[in-house]
């Protein structure tokens, strides 16, 4: 019994560690609960709710998928990306440097938008 329990715990620990390493695979409890402060953008009808958004340095933007199809939030320069988000799932990213960040949905490349950080 002890050997089986040890193998099970080791397997779960490995699986958790692997999942934590995937970009966007783990969302903090705050993100999961939707309590992240800052702008919240919807993904709806195969569009990002705001084609352009200006925010201050240090702001966290949260996207929530309201479509029945999966979508991603993927920076054009590869700086951030979410896993595929199903309906109701969230992705949050903190913008720590000024600049213009173009992003798109990797599953639907015609879905594009921009975050301007000042």
C-alpha atoms as a PDB file:
ATOM      1  CA  UNK A   1       0.000   0.000   0.000  1.00  0.00           C
ATOM      2  CA  UNK A   2       2.807   2.459   0.902  1.00  0.00           C
ATOM      3  CA  UNK A   3       4.587   1.783  -2.396  1.00  0.00           C
ATOM      4  CA  UNK A   4       1.374   2.368  -4.374  1.00  0.00           C
ATOM      5  CA  UNK A   5       0.697   5.606  -2.493  1.00  0.00           C
ATOM      6  CA  UNK A   6       4.262   6.801  -3.126  1.00  0.00           C
ATOM      7  CA  UNK A   7       3.981   6.093  -6.855  1.00  0.00           C
ATOM      8  CA  UNK A   8       0.609   7.869  -7.017  1.00  0.00           C
ATOM      9  CA  UNK A   9       1.931  10.954  -5.218  1.00  0.00           C
ATOM     10  CA  UNK A  10       5.027  11.029  -7.419  1.00  0.00           C
ATOM     11  CA  UNK A  11       2.870  10.779 -10.545  1.00  0.00           C
ATOM     12  CA  UNK A  12       0.577  13.581  -9.383  1.00  0.00           C
ATOM     13  CA  UNK A  13       3.534  15.783  -8.467  1.00  0.00           C
ATOM     14  CA  UNK A  14       5.098  15.235 -11.886  1.00  0.00           C
ATOM     15  CA  UNK A  15       1.812  15.938 -13.684  1.00  0.00           C
ATOM     16  CA  UNK A  16       1.282  19.136 -11.689  1.00  0.00           C
ATOM     17  CA  UNK A  17       4.846  20.321 -12.362  1.00  0.00           C
ATOM     18  CA  UNK A  18       4.416  19.672 -16.069  1.00  0.00           C
ATOM     19  CA  UNK A  19       1.102  21.536 -16.186  1.00  0.00           C
ATOM     20  CA  UNK A  20       2.618  24.516 -14.367  1.00  0.00           C
ATOM     21  CA  UNK A  21       5.324  24.768 -17.039  1.00  0.00           C
ATOM     22  CA  UNK A  22       2.813  25.212 -19.861  1.00  0.00           C
ATOM     23  CA  UNK A  23       2.083  28.856 -20.726  1.00  0.00           C
ATOM     24  CA  UNK A  24      -1.470  29.705 -19.746  1.00  0.00           C
ATOM     25  CA  UNK A  25      -2.132  26.177 -18.471  1.00  0.00           C
ATOM     26  CA  UNK A  26      -2.444  27.284 -14.864  1.00  0.00           C
ATOM     27  CA  UNK A  27      -4.471  30.223 -13.727  1.00  0.00           C
ATOM     28  CA  UNK A  28      -4.087  31.603 -10.258  1.00  0.00           C
ATOM     29  CA  UNK A  29      -7.143  31.374  -8.008  1.00  0.00           C
ATOM     30  CA  UNK A  30      -7.597  35.127  -8.479  1.00  0.00           C
ATOM     31  CA  UNK A  31      -7.761  34.728 -12.264  1.00  0.00           C
ATOM     32  CA  UNK A  32     -10.033  31.714 -12.009  1.00  0.00           C
ATOM     33  CA  UNK A  33     -12.365  33.652  -9.731  1.00  0.00           C
ATOM     34  CA  UNK A  34     -12.308  36.670 -12.043  1.00  0.00           C
ATOM     35  CA  UNK A  35     -11.022  38.963  -9.282  1.00  0.00           C
ATOM     36  CA  UNK A  36      -7.968  40.293 -11.110  1.00  0.00           C
ATOM     37  CA  UNK A  37      -7.936  44.088 -11.034  1.00  0.00           C
ATOM     38  CA  UNK A  38      -7.555  45.877 -14.338  1.00  0.00           C
ATOM     39  CA  UNK A  39      -9.199  45.866 -17.733  1.00  0.00           C
ATOM     40  CA  UNK A  40     -11.258  42.834 -18.680  1.00  0.00           C
ATOM     41  CA  UNK A  41     -11.745  42.095 -22.377  1.00  0.00           C
ATOM     42  CA  UNK A  42     -14.240  39.687 -23.861  1.00  0.00           C
ATOM     43  CA  UNK A  43     -13.686  37.356 -26.757  1.00  0.00           C
ATOM     44  CA  UNK A  44     -17.077  37.216 -28.426  1.00  0.00           C
ATOM     45  CA  UNK A  45     -18.381  36.567 -31.940  1.00  0.00           C
ATOM     46  CA  UNK A  46     -14.831  35.824 -33.131  1.00  0.00           C
ATOM     47  CA  UNK A  47     -13.589  39.280 -32.030  1.00  0.00           C
ATOM     48  CA  UNK A  48     -11.704  40.817 -29.154  1.00  0.00           C
ATOM     49  CA  UNK A  49     -14.093  43.299 -27.503  1.00  0.00           C
ATOM     50  CA  UNK A  50     -11.687  46.224 -27.978  1.00  0.00           C
ATOM     51  CA  UNK A  51      -9.502  46.371 -31.083  1.00  0.00           C
ATOM     52  CA  UNK A  52      -7.178  48.800 -29.246  1.00  0.00           C
ATOM     53  CA  UNK A  53      -6.757  49.395 -25.534  1.00  0.00           C
ATOM     54  CA  UNK A  54      -4.411  51.836 -23.772  1.00  0.00           C
ATOM     55  CA  UNK A  55      -3.287  50.938 -20.249  1.00  0.00           C
ATOM     56  CA  UNK A  56      -0.646  52.105 -17.759  1.00  0.00           C
ATOM     57  CA  UNK A  57       2.579  50.171 -17.133  1.00  0.00           C
ATOM     58  CA  UNK A  58       1.962  47.450 -14.571  1.00  0.00           C
ATOM     59  CA  UNK A  59      -1.687  46.893 -15.465  1.00  0.00           C
ATOM     60  CA  UNK A  60      -2.999  43.362 -15.836  1.00  0.00           C
ATOM     61  CA  UNK A  61      -5.410  42.677 -18.671  1.00  0.00           C
ATOM     62  CA  UNK A  62      -7.785  39.736 -18.363  1.00  0.00           C
ATOM     63  CA  UNK A  63      -9.478  38.135 -21.358  1.00  0.00           C
ATOM     64  CA  UNK A  64     -12.538  35.900 -21.029  1.00  0.00           C
ATOM     65  CA  UNK A  65     -13.807  33.720 -23.858  1.00  0.00           C
ATOM     66  CA  UNK A  66     -17.562  34.133 -24.388  1.00  0.00           C
ATOM     67  CA  UNK A  67     -17.663  32.099 -27.629  1.00  0.00           C
ATOM     68  CA  UNK A  68     -18.560  28.443 -27.972  1.00  0.00           C
ATOM     69  CA  UNK A  69     -15.323  27.901 -29.941  1.00  0.00           C
ATOM     70  CA  UNK A  70     -11.870  27.882 -28.326  1.00  0.00           C
ATOM     71  CA  UNK A  71      -9.601  30.911 -28.778  1.00  0.00           C
ATOM     72  CA  UNK A  72      -6.118  31.981 -27.714  1.00  0.00           C
ATOM     73  CA  UNK A  73      -4.563  35.306 -26.776  1.00  0.00           C
ATOM     74  CA  UNK A  74      -1.175  35.249 -28.517  1.00  0.00           C
ATOM     75  CA  UNK A  75       1.287  38.142 -28.835  1.00  0.00           C
ATOM     76  CA  UNK A  76       2.520  38.644 -32.388  1.00  0.00           C
ATOM     77  CA  UNK A  77       6.096  38.783 -31.044  1.00  0.00           C
ATOM     78  CA  UNK A  78       5.658  35.622 -28.941  1.00  0.00           C
ATOM     79  CA  UNK A  79       5.923  37.549 -25.662  1.00  0.00           C
ATOM     80  CA  UNK A  80       2.837  35.895 -24.183  1.00  0.00           C
ATOM     81  CA  UNK A  81       0.293  33.285 -25.145  1.00  0.00           C
ATOM     82  CA  UNK A  82      -2.614  31.532 -23.556  1.00  0.00           C
ATOM     83  CA  UNK A  83      -3.608  27.939 -23.908  1.00  0.00           C
ATOM     84  CA  UNK A  84      -6.770  27.356 -25.916  1.00  0.00           C
ATOM     85  CA  UNK A  85      -9.533  28.988 -23.895  1.00  0.00           C
ATOM     86  CA  UNK A  86     -12.916  27.307 -23.864  1.00  0.00           C
ATOM     87  CA  UNK A  87     -16.129  29.207 -23.124  1.00  0.00           C
ATOM     88  CA  UNK A  88     -15.885  30.982 -19.762  1.00  0.00           C
ATOM     89  CA  UNK A  89     -12.137  30.457 -19.345  1.00  0.00           C
ATOM     90  CA  UNK A  90      -9.831  33.366 -18.548  1.00  0.00           C
ATOM     91  CA  UNK A  91      -6.304  34.420 -19.360  1.00  0.00           C
ATOM     92  CA  UNK A  92      -4.492  37.313 -17.663  1.00  0.00           C
ATOM     93  CA  UNK A  93      -1.233  39.042 -18.519  1.00  0.00           C
ATOM     94  CA  UNK A  94       0.594  41.841 -16.696  1.00  0.00           C
ATOM     95  CA  UNK A  95       2.219  44.434 -18.949  1.00  0.00           C
ATOM     96  CA  UNK A  96       5.423  45.585 -17.250  1.00  0.00           C
ATOM     97  CA  UNK A  97       7.031  47.692 -19.987  1.00  0.00           C
ATOM     98  CA  UNK A  98       5.764  50.502 -22.210  1.00  0.00           C
ATOM     99  CA  UNK A  99       5.151  49.682 -25.834  1.00  0.00           C
ATOM    100  CA  UNK A 100       2.612  48.521 -28.369  1.00  0.00           C
ATOM    101  CA  UNK A 101       1.649  44.860 -28.136  1.00  0.00           C
ATOM    102  CA  UNK A 102      -0.174  43.420 -31.122  1.00  0.00           C
ATOM    103  CA  UNK A 103      -1.901  40.111 -30.480  1.00  0.00           C
ATOM    104  CA  UNK A 104      -4.167  37.614 -32.218  1.00  0.00           C
ATOM    105  CA  UNK A 105      -5.951  34.302 -31.818  1.00  0.00           C
ATOM    106  CA  UNK A 106      -3.625  31.519 -32.981  1.00  0.00           C
ATOM    107  CA  UNK A 107      -6.657  29.418 -33.941  1.00  0.00           C
ATOM    108  CA  UNK A 108      -8.336  32.233 -35.893  1.00  0.00           C
ATOM    109  CA  UNK A 109      -5.546  34.558 -37.171  1.00  0.00           C
ATOM    110  CA  UNK A 110      -7.973  37.163 -38.517  1.00  0.00           C
ATOM    111  CA  UNK A 111      -8.863  37.975 -34.903  1.00  0.00           C
ATOM    112  CA  UNK A 112      -6.423  40.751 -34.011  1.00  0.00           C
ATOM    113  CA  UNK A 113      -6.103  43.585 -31.493  1.00  0.00           C
ATOM    114  CA  UNK A 114      -3.527  45.810 -29.819  1.00  0.00           C
ATOM    115  CA  UNK A 115      -2.590  46.843 -26.290  1.00  0.00           C
ATOM    116  CA  UNK A 116      -0.734  50.149 -25.913  1.00  0.00           C
ATOM    117  CA  UNK A 117       1.130  50.450 -22.628  1.00  0.00           C
ATOM    118  CA  UNK A 118       2.140  53.963 -21.481  1.00  0.00           C
END
